Amino acid sequence: MIIVRCKECNTELRSSNKTQVCGCPNMMTVNEDKVSAVDLSKVVMINSGKEKKQNVLSQQDLLYQEQRRKRKVRRLDFDVK
């Protein structure tokens, strides 16, 4: 859910499946996950609805990946006959 405030008229709008407009000359419009206005510098995003993702890998997985990153590449030489 997106929550947006217009600095010009101090109207707060929450996103929904219907288009919402603040009604001032800036004409801030919110429709689902889209925000538009005449001047976007006069719009404040209060809640973007995006959650921060937690780390999916465990501490052991991260340690394994770090050790793997430090491995050297070994070249094998073959004799061609």
PDB file of N, CA and C in Angstrom:
ATOM      1  N   MET A   1       0.849  -1.173   0.000  1.00  0.00           N
ATOM      2  CA  MET A   1       0.000   0.000   0.000  1.00  0.00           C
ATOM      3  C   MET A   1       0.898   1.240   0.000  1.00  0.00           C
ATOM      4  N   ILE A   2       0.611   2.150  -0.902  1.00  0.00           N
ATOM      5  CA  ILE A   2       1.369   3.394  -1.014  1.00  0.00           C
ATOM      6  C   ILE A   2       0.593   4.499  -0.306  1.00  0.00           C
ATOM      7  N   ILE A   3       1.305   5.294   0.491  1.00  0.00           N
ATOM      8  CA  ILE A   3       0.710   6.473   1.120  1.00  0.00           C
ATOM      9  C   ILE A   3       1.534   7.673   0.675  1.00  0.00           C
ATOM     10  N   VAL A   4       0.860   8.678   0.100  1.00  0.00           N
ATOM     11  CA  VAL A   4       1.533   9.833  -0.486  1.00  0.00           C
ATOM     12  C   VAL A   4       0.881  11.101   0.037  1.00  0.00           C
ATOM     13  N   ARG A   5       1.706  12.157   0.275  1.00  0.00           N
ATOM     14  CA  ARG A   5       1.180  13.446   0.740  1.00  0.00           C
ATOM     15  C   ARG A   5       1.578  14.541  -0.246  1.00  0.00           C
ATOM     16  N   CYS A   6       0.629  15.401  -0.556  1.00  0.00           N
ATOM     17  CA  CYS A   6       0.876  16.567  -1.405  1.00  0.00           C
ATOM     18  C   CYS A   6       1.331  17.714  -0.502  1.00  0.00           C
ATOM     19  N   LYS A   7       2.477  18.310  -0.796  1.00  0.00           N
ATOM     20  CA  LYS A   7       2.986  19.418   0.026  1.00  0.00           C
ATOM     21  C   LYS A   7       2.170  20.688  -0.175  1.00  0.00           C
ATOM     22  N   GLU A   8       1.542  20.810  -1.314  1.00  0.00           N
ATOM     23  CA  GLU A   8       0.815  22.038  -1.623  1.00  0.00           C
ATOM     24  C   GLU A   8      -0.497  22.149  -0.849  1.00  0.00           C
ATOM     25  N   CYS A   9      -1.254  21.049  -0.773  1.00  0.00           N
ATOM     26  CA  CYS A   9      -2.550  21.109  -0.087  1.00  0.00           C
ATOM     27  C   CYS A   9      -2.605  20.214   1.155  1.00  0.00           C
ATOM     28  N   ASN A  10      -1.501  19.528   1.483  1.00  0.00           N
ATOM     29  CA  ASN A  10      -1.404  18.638   2.663  1.00  0.00           C
ATOM     30  C   ASN A  10      -2.433  17.504   2.649  1.00  0.00           C
ATOM     31  N   THR A  11      -2.806  17.026   1.480  1.00  0.00           N
ATOM     32  CA  THR A  11      -3.745  15.920   1.364  1.00  0.00           C
ATOM     33  C   THR A  11      -2.964  14.609   1.306  1.00  0.00           C
ATOM     34  N   GLU A  12      -3.395  13.633   2.114  1.00  0.00           N
ATOM     35  CA  GLU A  12      -2.775  12.312   2.091  1.00  0.00           C
ATOM     36  C   GLU A  12      -3.675  11.365   1.334  1.00  0.00           C
ATOM     37  N   LEU A  13      -3.078  10.618   0.386  1.00  0.00           N
ATOM     38  CA  LEU A  13      -3.838   9.652  -0.388  1.00  0.00           C
ATOM     39  C   LEU A  13      -3.227   8.273  -0.216  1.00  0.00           C
ATOM     40  N   ARG A  14      -4.113   7.264  -0.082  1.00  0.00           N
ATOM     41  CA  ARG A  14      -3.684   5.869   0.006  1.00  0.00           C
ATOM     42  C   ARG A  14      -4.028   5.186  -1.308  1.00  0.00           C
ATOM     43  N   SER A  15      -3.166   4.288  -1.722  1.00  0.00           N
ATOM     44  CA  SER A  15      -3.401   3.613  -2.996  1.00  0.00           C
ATOM     45  C   SER A  15      -4.563   2.634  -2.891  1.00  0.00           C
ATOM     46  N   SER A  16      -5.293   2.512  -3.967  1.00  0.00           N
ATOM     47  CA  SER A  16      -6.359   1.527  -4.093  1.00  0.00           C
ATOM     48  C   SER A  16      -6.510   1.237  -5.580  1.00  0.00           C
ATOM     49  N   ASN A  17      -7.470   0.394  -5.927  1.00  0.00           N
ATOM     50  CA  ASN A  17      -7.649   0.083  -7.338  1.00  0.00           C
ATOM     51  C   ASN A  17      -8.389   1.190  -8.091  1.00  0.00           C
ATOM     52  N   LYS A  18      -8.872   2.200  -7.368  1.00  0.00           N
ATOM     53  CA  LYS A  18      -9.517   3.350  -7.996  1.00  0.00           C
ATOM     54  C   LYS A  18      -8.541   4.524  -8.014  1.00  0.00           C
ATOM     55  N   THR A  19      -8.639   5.366  -9.031  1.00  0.00           N
ATOM     56  CA  THR A  19      -7.787   6.545  -9.139  1.00  0.00           C
ATOM     57  C   THR A  19      -8.229   7.593  -8.131  1.00  0.00           C
ATOM     58  N   GLN A  20      -7.246   8.154  -7.397  1.00  0.00           N
ATOM     59  CA  GLN A  20      -7.535   9.196  -6.411  1.00  0.00           C
ATOM     60  C   GLN A  20      -6.729  10.437  -6.770  1.00  0.00           C
ATOM     61  N   VAL A  21      -7.347  11.604  -6.638  1.00  0.00           N
ATOM     62  CA  VAL A  21      -6.718  12.875  -6.981  1.00  0.00           C
ATOM     63  C   VAL A  21      -6.872  13.824  -5.811  1.00  0.00           C
ATOM     64  N   CYS A  22      -5.819  14.635  -5.525  1.00  0.00           N
ATOM     65  CA  CYS A  22      -5.896  15.555  -4.385  1.00  0.00           C
ATOM     66  C   CYS A  22      -6.757  16.778  -4.697  1.00  0.00           C
ATOM     67  N   GLY A  23      -6.812  17.241  -5.934  1.00  0.00           N
ATOM     68  CA  GLY A  23      -7.708  18.327  -6.303  1.00  0.00           C
ATOM     69  C   GLY A  23      -7.082  19.711  -6.330  1.00  0.00           C
ATOM     70  N   CYS A  24      -5.843  19.870  -5.881  1.00  0.00           N
ATOM     71  CA  CYS A  24      -5.193  21.184  -5.932  1.00  0.00           C
ATOM     72  C   CYS A  24      -4.561  21.378  -7.320  1.00  0.00           C
ATOM     73  N   PRO A  25      -3.977  22.540  -7.602  1.00  0.00           N
ATOM     74  CA  PRO A  25      -3.364  22.765  -8.919  1.00  0.00           C
ATOM     75  C   PRO A  25      -2.218  21.798  -9.254  1.00  0.00           C
ATOM     76  N   ASN A  26      -1.637  21.155  -8.258  1.00  0.00           N
ATOM     77  CA  ASN A  26      -0.571  20.183  -8.515  1.00  0.00           C
ATOM     78  C   ASN A  26      -1.120  18.880  -9.098  1.00  0.00           C
ATOM     79  N   MET A  27      -2.401  18.586  -8.869  1.00  0.00           N
ATOM     80  CA  MET A  27      -3.091  17.413  -9.413  1.00  0.00           C
ATOM     81  C   MET A  27      -2.344  16.098  -9.165  1.00  0.00           C
ATOM     82  N   MET A  28      -2.026  15.850  -7.895  1.00  0.00           N
ATOM     83  CA  MET A  28      -1.388  14.588  -7.538  1.00  0.00           C
ATOM     84  C   MET A  28      -2.404  13.466  -7.716  1.00  0.00           C
ATOM     85  N   THR A  29      -1.995  12.407  -8.422  1.00  0.00           N
ATOM     86  CA  THR A  29      -2.873  11.287  -8.717  1.00  0.00           C
ATOM     87  C   THR A  29      -2.224  10.000  -8.240  1.00  0.00           C
ATOM     88  N   VAL A  30      -3.003   9.141  -7.556  1.00  0.00           N
ATOM     89  CA  VAL A  30      -2.518   7.843  -7.090  1.00  0.00           C
ATOM     90  C   VAL A  30      -3.446   6.775  -7.632  1.00  0.00           C
ATOM     91  N   ASN A  31      -2.860   5.800  -8.310  1.00  0.00           N
ATOM     92  CA  ASN A  31      -3.626   4.669  -8.829  1.00  0.00           C
ATOM     93  C   ASN A  31      -2.802   3.408  -8.631  1.00  0.00           C
ATOM     94  N   GLU A  32      -3.239   2.521  -7.731  1.00  0.00           N
ATOM     95  CA  GLU A  32      -2.540   1.302  -7.341  1.00  0.00           C
ATOM     96  C   GLU A  32      -1.092   1.607  -6.951  1.00  0.00           C
ATOM     97  N   ASP A  33      -0.104   1.310  -7.797  1.00  0.00           N
ATOM     98  CA  ASP A  33       1.294   1.546  -7.431  1.00  0.00           C
ATOM     99  C   ASP A  33       1.924   2.686  -8.227  1.00  0.00           C
ATOM    100  N   LYS A  34       1.102   3.532  -8.849  1.00  0.00           N
ATOM    101  CA  LYS A  34       1.608   4.641  -9.657  1.00  0.00           C
ATOM    102  C   LYS A  34       1.242   5.972  -9.022  1.00  0.00           C
ATOM    103  N   VAL A  35       2.201   6.894  -9.034  1.00  0.00           N
ATOM    104  CA  VAL A  35       1.981   8.245  -8.511  1.00  0.00           C
ATOM    105  C   VAL A  35       2.370   9.224  -9.596  1.00  0.00           C
ATOM    106  N   SER A  36       1.522  10.199  -9.850  1.00  0.00           N
ATOM    107  CA  SER A  36       1.859  11.237 -10.825  1.00  0.00           C
ATOM    108  C   SER A  36       1.378  12.578 -10.293  1.00  0.00           C
ATOM    109  N   ALA A  37       2.010  13.636 -10.796  1.00  0.00           N
ATOM    110  CA  ALA A  37       1.639  14.993 -10.408  1.00  0.00           C
ATOM    111  C   ALA A  37       2.232  15.961 -11.425  1.00  0.00           C
ATOM    112  N   VAL A  38       1.753  17.194 -11.399  1.00  0.00           N
ATOM    113  CA  VAL A  38       2.322  18.216 -12.272  1.00  0.00           C
ATOM    114  C   VAL A  38       3.769  18.479 -11.862  1.00  0.00           C
ATOM    115  N   ASP A  39       4.019  18.624 -10.559  1.00  0.00           N
ATOM    116  CA  ASP A  39       5.369  18.843 -10.031  1.00  0.00           C
ATOM    117  C   ASP A  39       5.629  17.805  -8.937  1.00  0.00           C
ATOM    118  N   LEU A  40       6.413  16.770  -9.258  1.00  0.00           N
ATOM    119  CA  LEU A  40       6.665  15.690  -8.302  1.00  0.00           C
ATOM    120  C   LEU A  40       7.548  16.123  -7.133  1.00  0.00           C
ATOM    121  N   SER A  41       8.199  17.288  -7.232  1.00  0.00           N
ATOM    122  CA  SER A  41       8.996  17.766  -6.093  1.00  0.00           C
ATOM    123  C   SER A  41       8.081  18.230  -4.949  1.00  0.00           C
ATOM    124  N   LYS A  42       6.798  18.415  -5.231  1.00  0.00           N
ATOM    125  CA  LYS A  42       5.836  18.806  -4.203  1.00  0.00           C
ATOM    126  C   LYS A  42       5.081  17.607  -3.642  1.00  0.00           C
ATOM    127  N   VAL A  43       5.599  16.393  -3.892  1.00  0.00           N
ATOM    128  CA  VAL A  43       4.963  15.163  -3.425  1.00  0.00           C
ATOM    129  C   VAL A  43       5.916  14.443  -2.485  1.00  0.00           C
ATOM    130  N   VAL A  44       5.392  13.964  -1.355  1.00  0.00           N
ATOM    131  CA  VAL A  44       6.195  13.223  -0.375  1.00  0.00           C
ATOM    132  C   VAL A  44       5.651  11.804  -0.290  1.00  0.00           C
ATOM    133  N   MET A  45       6.548  10.823  -0.460  1.00  0.00           N
ATOM    134  CA  MET A  45       6.165   9.419  -0.325  1.00  0.00           C
ATOM    135  C   MET A  45       6.311   9.039   1.137  1.00  0.00           C
ATOM    136  N   ILE A  46       5.210   8.765   1.812  1.00  0.00           N
ATOM    137  CA  ILE A  46       5.237   8.425   3.232  1.00  0.00           C
ATOM    138  C   ILE A  46       5.512   6.942   3.416  1.00  0.00           C
ATOM    139  N   ASN A  47       4.826   6.109   2.647  1.00  0.00           N
ATOM    140  CA  ASN A  47       5.028   4.668   2.723  1.00  0.00           C
ATOM    141  C   ASN A  47       4.992   4.129   1.305  1.00  0.00           C
ATOM    142  N   SER A  48       6.076   3.495   0.879  1.00  0.00           N
ATOM    143  CA  SER A  48       6.135   3.005  -0.493  1.00  0.00           C
ATOM    144  C   SER A  48       5.548   1.603  -0.638  1.00  0.00           C
ATOM    145  N   GLY A  49       5.303   0.914   0.471  1.00  0.00           N
ATOM    146  CA  GLY A  49       4.712  -0.413   0.392  1.00  0.00           C
ATOM    147  C   GLY A  49       5.723  -1.509   0.124  1.00  0.00           C
ATOM    148  N   LYS A  50       6.960  -1.154  -0.083  1.00  0.00           N
ATOM    149  CA  LYS A  50       8.006  -2.147  -0.327  1.00  0.00           C
ATOM    150  C   LYS A  50       8.636  -2.517   1.002  1.00  0.00           C
ATOM    151  N   GLU A  51       8.710  -3.790   1.260  1.00  0.00           N
ATOM    152  CA  GLU A  51       9.326  -4.255   2.492  1.00  0.00           C
ATOM    153  C   GLU A  51      10.783  -4.613   2.228  1.00  0.00           C
ATOM    154  N   LYS A  52      11.610  -4.385   3.216  1.00  0.00           N
ATOM    155  CA  LYS A  52      13.000  -4.785   3.094  1.00  0.00           C
ATOM    156  C   LYS A  52      13.083  -6.290   3.250  1.00  0.00           C
ATOM    157  N   LYS A  53      13.803  -6.908   2.348  1.00  0.00           N
ATOM    158  CA  LYS A  53      13.913  -8.356   2.394  1.00  0.00           C
ATOM    159  C   LYS A  53      14.973  -8.756   3.403  1.00  0.00           C
ATOM    160  N   GLN A  54      14.639  -9.774   4.156  1.00  0.00           N
ATOM    161  CA  GLN A  54      15.601 -10.311   5.106  1.00  0.00           C
ATOM    162  C   GLN A  54      16.589 -11.187   4.347  1.00  0.00           C
ATOM    163  N   ASN A  55      17.737 -11.398   4.948  1.00  0.00           N
ATOM    164  CA  ASN A  55      18.752 -12.218   4.323  1.00  0.00           C
ATOM    165  C   ASN A  55      18.250 -13.660   4.230  1.00  0.00           C
ATOM    166  N   VAL A  56      18.233 -14.209   3.020  1.00  0.00           N
ATOM    167  CA  VAL A  56      17.714 -15.547   2.790  1.00  0.00           C
ATOM    168  C   VAL A  56      18.736 -16.599   3.207  1.00  0.00           C
ATOM    169  N   LEU A  57      20.008 -16.290   3.022  1.00  0.00           N
ATOM    170  CA  LEU A  57      21.057 -17.250   3.340  1.00  0.00           C
ATOM    171  C   LEU A  57      21.375 -17.238   4.828  1.00  0.00           C
ATOM    172  N   SER A  58      21.672 -18.412   5.352  1.00  0.00           N
ATOM    173  CA  SER A  58      22.062 -18.499   6.752  1.00  0.00           C
ATOM    174  C   SER A  58      23.522 -18.059   6.903  1.00  0.00           C
ATOM    175  N   GLN A  59      23.976 -17.945   8.130  1.00  0.00           N
ATOM    176  CA  GLN A  59      25.353 -17.528   8.393  1.00  0.00           C
ATOM    177  C   GLN A  59      26.342 -18.543   7.828  1.00  0.00           C
ATOM    178  N   GLN A  60      26.009 -19.825   7.911  1.00  0.00           N
ATOM    179  CA  GLN A  60      26.884 -20.871   7.368  1.00  0.00           C
ATOM    180  C   GLN A  60      26.977 -20.770   5.851  1.00  0.00           C
ATOM    181  N   ASP A  61      25.850 -20.489   5.196  1.00  0.00           N
ATOM    182  CA  ASP A  61      25.848 -20.343   3.744  1.00  0.00           C
ATOM    183  C   ASP A  61      26.703 -19.160   3.309  1.00  0.00           C
ATOM    184  N   LEU A  62      26.611 -18.053   4.040  1.00  0.00           N
ATOM    185  CA  LEU A  62      27.414 -16.880   3.713  1.00  0.00           C
ATOM    186  C   LEU A  62      28.901 -17.163   3.892  1.00  0.00           C
ATOM    187  N   LEU A  63      29.249 -17.871   4.946  1.00  0.00           N
ATOM    188  CA  LEU A  63      30.644 -18.232   5.191  1.00  0.00           C
ATOM    189  C   LEU A  63      31.165 -19.132   4.091  1.00  0.00           C
ATOM    190  N   TYR A  64      30.374 -20.113   3.669  1.00  0.00           N
ATOM    191  CA  TYR A  64      30.758 -21.016   2.586  1.00  0.00           C
ATOM    192  C   TYR A  64      30.982 -20.232   1.290  1.00  0.00           C
ATOM    193  N   GLN A  65      30.079 -19.306   0.972  1.00  0.00           N
ATOM    194  CA  GLN A  65      30.225 -18.516  -0.252  1.00  0.00           C
ATOM    195  C   GLN A  65      31.469 -17.630  -0.206  1.00  0.00           C
ATOM    196  N   GLU A  66      31.772 -17.090   0.968  1.00  0.00           N
ATOM    197  CA  GLU A  66      32.967 -16.256   1.113  1.00  0.00           C
ATOM    198  C   GLU A  66      34.227 -17.089   0.920  1.00  0.00           C
ATOM    199  N   GLN A  67      34.268 -18.297   1.475  1.00  0.00           N
ATOM    200  CA  GLN A  67      35.417 -19.181   1.284  1.00  0.00           C
ATOM    201  C   GLN A  67      35.536 -19.588  -0.178  1.00  0.00           C
ATOM    202  N   ARG A  68      34.434 -19.834  -0.792  1.00  0.00           N
ATOM    203  CA  ARG A  68      34.428 -20.242  -2.196  1.00  0.00           C
ATOM    204  C   ARG A  68      34.947 -19.111  -3.085  1.00  0.00           C
ATOM    205  N   ARG A  69      34.621 -17.886  -2.734  1.00  0.00           N
ATOM    206  CA  ARG A  69      35.060 -16.731  -3.530  1.00  0.00           C
ATOM    207  C   ARG A  69      36.569 -16.578  -3.489  1.00  0.00           C
ATOM    208  N   LYS A  70      37.187 -16.993  -2.384  1.00  0.00           N
ATOM    209  CA  LYS A  70      38.639 -16.838  -2.219  1.00  0.00           C
ATOM    210  C   LYS A  70      39.445 -17.957  -2.869  1.00  0.00           C
ATOM    211  N   ARG A  71      38.796 -18.958  -3.426  1.00  0.00           N
ATOM    212  CA  ARG A  71      39.510 -20.071  -4.048  1.00  0.00           C
ATOM    213  C   ARG A  71      40.291 -19.616  -5.261  1.00  0.00           C
ATOM    214  N   LYS A  72      41.406 -20.281  -5.481  1.00  0.00           N
ATOM    215  CA  LYS A  72      42.230 -20.005  -6.656  1.00  0.00           C
ATOM    216  C   LYS A  72      41.811 -20.941  -7.787  1.00  0.00           C
ATOM    217  N   VAL A  73      41.996 -20.491  -8.992  1.00  0.00           N
ATOM    218  CA  VAL A  73      41.708 -21.327 -10.151  1.00  0.00           C
ATOM    219  C   VAL A  73      42.968 -22.107 -10.493  1.00  0.00           C
ATOM    220  N   ARG A  74      42.826 -23.402 -10.589  1.00  0.00           N
ATOM    221  CA  ARG A  74      43.960 -24.264 -10.890  1.00  0.00           C
ATOM    222  C   ARG A  74      43.943 -24.593 -12.378  1.00  0.00           C
ATOM    223  N   ARG A  75      45.063 -24.373 -13.038  1.00  0.00           N
ATOM    224  CA  ARG A  75      45.150 -24.715 -14.444  1.00  0.00           C
ATOM    225  C   ARG A  75      45.787 -26.087 -14.589  1.00  0.00           C
ATOM    226  N   LEU A  76      45.214 -26.868 -15.405  1.00  0.00           N
ATOM    227  CA  LEU A  76      45.759 -28.183 -15.669  1.00  0.00           C
ATOM    228  C   LEU A  76      46.413 -28.187 -17.035  1.00  0.00           C
ATOM    229  N   ASP A  77      47.619 -28.664 -17.091  1.00  0.00           N
ATOM    230  CA  ASP A  77      48.347 -28.777 -18.355  1.00  0.00           C
ATOM    231  C   ASP A  77      48.299 -30.211 -18.825  1.00  0.00           C
ATOM    232  N   PHE A  78      47.877 -30.402 -20.042  1.00  0.00           N
ATOM    233  CA  PHE A  78      47.814 -31.721 -20.613  1.00  0.00           C
ATOM    234  C   PHE A  78      48.847 -31.830 -21.738  1.00  0.00           C
ATOM    235  N   ASP A  79      49.466 -32.970 -21.803  1.00  0.00           N
ATOM    236  CA  ASP A  79      50.394 -33.231 -22.902  1.00  0.00           C
ATOM    237  C   ASP A  79      49.610 -33.769 -24.095  1.00  0.00           C
ATOM    238  N   VAL A  80      49.812 -33.149 -25.227  1.00  0.00           N
ATOM    239  CA  VAL A  80      49.127 -33.591 -26.433  1.00  0.00           C
ATOM    240  C   VAL A  80      50.121 -34.457 -27.232  1.00  0.00           C
ATOM    241  N   LYS A  81      49.730 -35.706 -27.546  1.00  0.00           N
ATOM    242  CA  LYS A  81      50.619 -36.611 -28.284  1.00  0.00           C
ATOM    243  C   LYS A  81      50.087 -36.875 -29.648  1.00  0.00           C
TER     244      LYS A  81
END
